[in-house]
C-alpha atoms as a PDB file:
ATOM      1  CA  UNK A   1    -240.089   4.555  19.014  1.00  0.00           C
ATOM      2  CA  UNK A   2    -237.559   5.243  16.099  1.00  0.00           C
ATOM      3  CA  UNK A   3    -237.033   3.329  12.944  1.00  0.00           C
ATOM      4  CA  UNK A   4    -233.387   3.530  13.846  1.00  0.00           C
ATOM      5  CA  UNK A   5    -231.528   1.488  16.372  1.00  0.00           C
ATOM      6  CA  UNK A   6    -230.447   3.454  19.452  1.00  0.00           C
ATOM      7  CA  UNK A   7    -226.806   2.824  18.165  1.00  0.00           C
ATOM      8  CA  UNK A   8    -227.802   4.688  14.951  1.00  0.00           C
ATOM      9  CA  UNK A   9    -229.354   7.419  16.861  1.00  0.00           C
ATOM     10  CA  UNK A  10    -226.398   7.962  19.086  1.00  0.00           C
ATOM     11  CA  UNK A  11    -223.954   7.935  16.194  1.00  0.00           C
ATOM     12  CA  UNK A  12    -225.907  10.472  14.316  1.00  0.00           C
ATOM     13  CA  UNK A  13    -225.785  13.000  17.389  1.00  0.00           C
ATOM     14  CA  UNK A  14    -222.347  12.123  19.157  1.00  0.00           C
ATOM     15  CA  UNK A  15    -220.328  14.659  17.383  1.00  0.00           C
ATOM     16  CA  UNK A  16    -222.986  17.327  18.137  1.00  0.00           C
ATOM     17  CA  UNK A  17    -222.830  16.432  21.862  1.00  0.00           C
ATOM     18  CA  UNK A  18    -219.425  16.102  22.167  1.00  0.00           C
ATOM     19  CA  UNK A  19    -218.957  19.793  21.041  1.00  0.00           C
ATOM     20  CA  UNK A  20    -220.983  20.854  24.013  1.00  0.00           C
ATOM     21  CA  UNK A  21    -218.924  22.213  26.880  1.00  0.00           C
ATOM     22  CA  UNK A  22    -218.447  19.987  29.737  1.00  0.00           C
ATOM     23  CA  UNK A  23    -219.336  16.769  27.617  1.00  0.00           C
ATOM     24  CA  UNK A  24    -216.730  14.071  28.054  1.00  0.00           C
ATOM     25  CA  UNK A  25    -218.576  11.042  26.536  1.00  0.00           C
ATOM     26  CA  UNK A  26    -221.714   9.523  25.179  1.00  0.00           C
ATOM     27  CA  UNK A  27    -222.763   5.882  25.714  1.00  0.00           C
ATOM     28  CA  UNK A  28    -225.754   3.704  25.890  1.00  0.00           C
ATOM     29  CA  UNK A  29    -227.214   2.812  29.276  1.00  0.00           C
ATOM     30  CA  UNK A  30    -230.548   2.118  30.907  1.00  0.00           C
ATOM     31  CA  UNK A  31    -233.141   4.114  32.402  1.00  0.00           C
ATOM     32  CA  UNK A  32    -236.169   2.486  34.115  1.00  0.00           C
ATOM     33  CA  UNK A  33    -235.367  -0.680  32.662  1.00  0.00           C
ATOM     34  CA  UNK A  34    -235.268   0.818  29.094  1.00  0.00           C
ATOM     35  CA  UNK A  35    -232.391   1.480  26.762  1.00  0.00           C
ATOM     36  CA  UNK A  36    -231.232   5.267  27.001  1.00  0.00           C
ATOM     37  CA  UNK A  37    -228.570   7.428  25.635  1.00  0.00           C
ATOM     38  CA  UNK A  38    -226.282   8.599  28.306  1.00  0.00           C
ATOM     39  CA  UNK A  39    -224.226  12.036  27.979  1.00  0.00           C
ATOM     40  CA  UNK A  40    -221.312  12.000  30.232  1.00  0.00           C
ATOM     41  CA  UNK A  41    -220.311  15.308  31.412  1.00  0.00           C
ATOM     42  CA  UNK A  42    -217.415  16.695  33.715  1.00  0.00           C
ATOM     43  CA  UNK A  43    -219.983  19.291  35.041  1.00  0.00           C
ATOM     44  CA  UNK A  44    -223.393  20.736  34.088  1.00  0.00           C
ATOM     45  CA  UNK A  45    -223.287  24.110  32.116  1.00  0.00           C
ATOM     46  CA  UNK A  46    -226.257  26.255  30.869  1.00  0.00           C
ATOM     47  CA  UNK A  47    -225.398  25.338  27.237  1.00  0.00           C
ATOM     48  CA  UNK A  48    -225.413  21.533  28.038  1.00  0.00           C
ATOM     49  CA  UNK A  49    -228.956  22.103  29.978  1.00  0.00           C
ATOM     50  CA  UNK A  50    -230.189  23.987  27.021  1.00  0.00           C
ATOM     51  CA  UNK A  51    -228.772  21.715  24.251  1.00  0.00           C
ATOM     52  CA  UNK A  52    -229.702  18.391  25.616  1.00  0.00           C
ATOM     53  CA  UNK A  53    -233.292  17.057  24.877  1.00  0.00           C
ATOM     54  CA  UNK A  54    -235.109  14.767  27.391  1.00  0.00           C
ATOM     55  CA  UNK A  55    -235.408  12.355  24.377  1.00  0.00           C
ATOM     56  CA  UNK A  56    -234.539  11.912  20.787  1.00  0.00           C
ATOM     57  CA  UNK A  57    -236.084   9.810  18.246  1.00  0.00           C
ATOM     58  CA  UNK A  58    -237.895   8.005  20.892  1.00  0.00           C
ATOM     59  CA  UNK A  59    -234.945   7.203  23.193  1.00  0.00           C
ATOM     60  CA  UNK A  60    -234.698   8.779  26.580  1.00  0.00           C
ATOM     61  CA  UNK A  61    -231.551  10.970  26.862  1.00  0.00           C
ATOM     62  CA  UNK A  62    -229.699  11.270  30.431  1.00  0.00           C
ATOM     63  CA  UNK A  63    -227.075  13.667  31.423  1.00  0.00           C
ATOM     64  CA  UNK A  64    -224.839  11.990  34.003  1.00  0.00           C
ATOM     65  CA  UNK A  65    -222.183  14.182  35.695  1.00  0.00           C
ATOM     66  CA  UNK A  66    -219.013  12.124  36.209  1.00  0.00           C
ATOM     67  CA  UNK A  67    -216.346  14.560  36.358  1.00  0.00           C
ATOM     68  CA  UNK A  68    -213.233  14.439  34.027  1.00  0.00           C
ATOM     69  CA  UNK A  69    -212.326  11.172  32.549  1.00  0.00           C
ATOM     70  CA  UNK A  70    -208.524  10.149  32.912  1.00  0.00           C
END
C-alpha cells in the first residue's frame, strides 16, 4: 500500500485522467470491499484502455462506463 492516502493519489492523477478521451469524472469508490479509484467514462476508447493502469500506488483503479454526465 502507498504511503499516500487514496485521496492524495487520486488528486495527483486526476488532471492526467480527465484529459483522456471519454473520461467524464474521477472519484473514490469500493471494489471487493476495499477503497478504489473510479474513473467514470462516457465510453471506452483505445486510448483510455491503454492509459489507465489496473492499480496505482497500491490502489485498484476501476473504469466505469456511465455515459455523459448532465
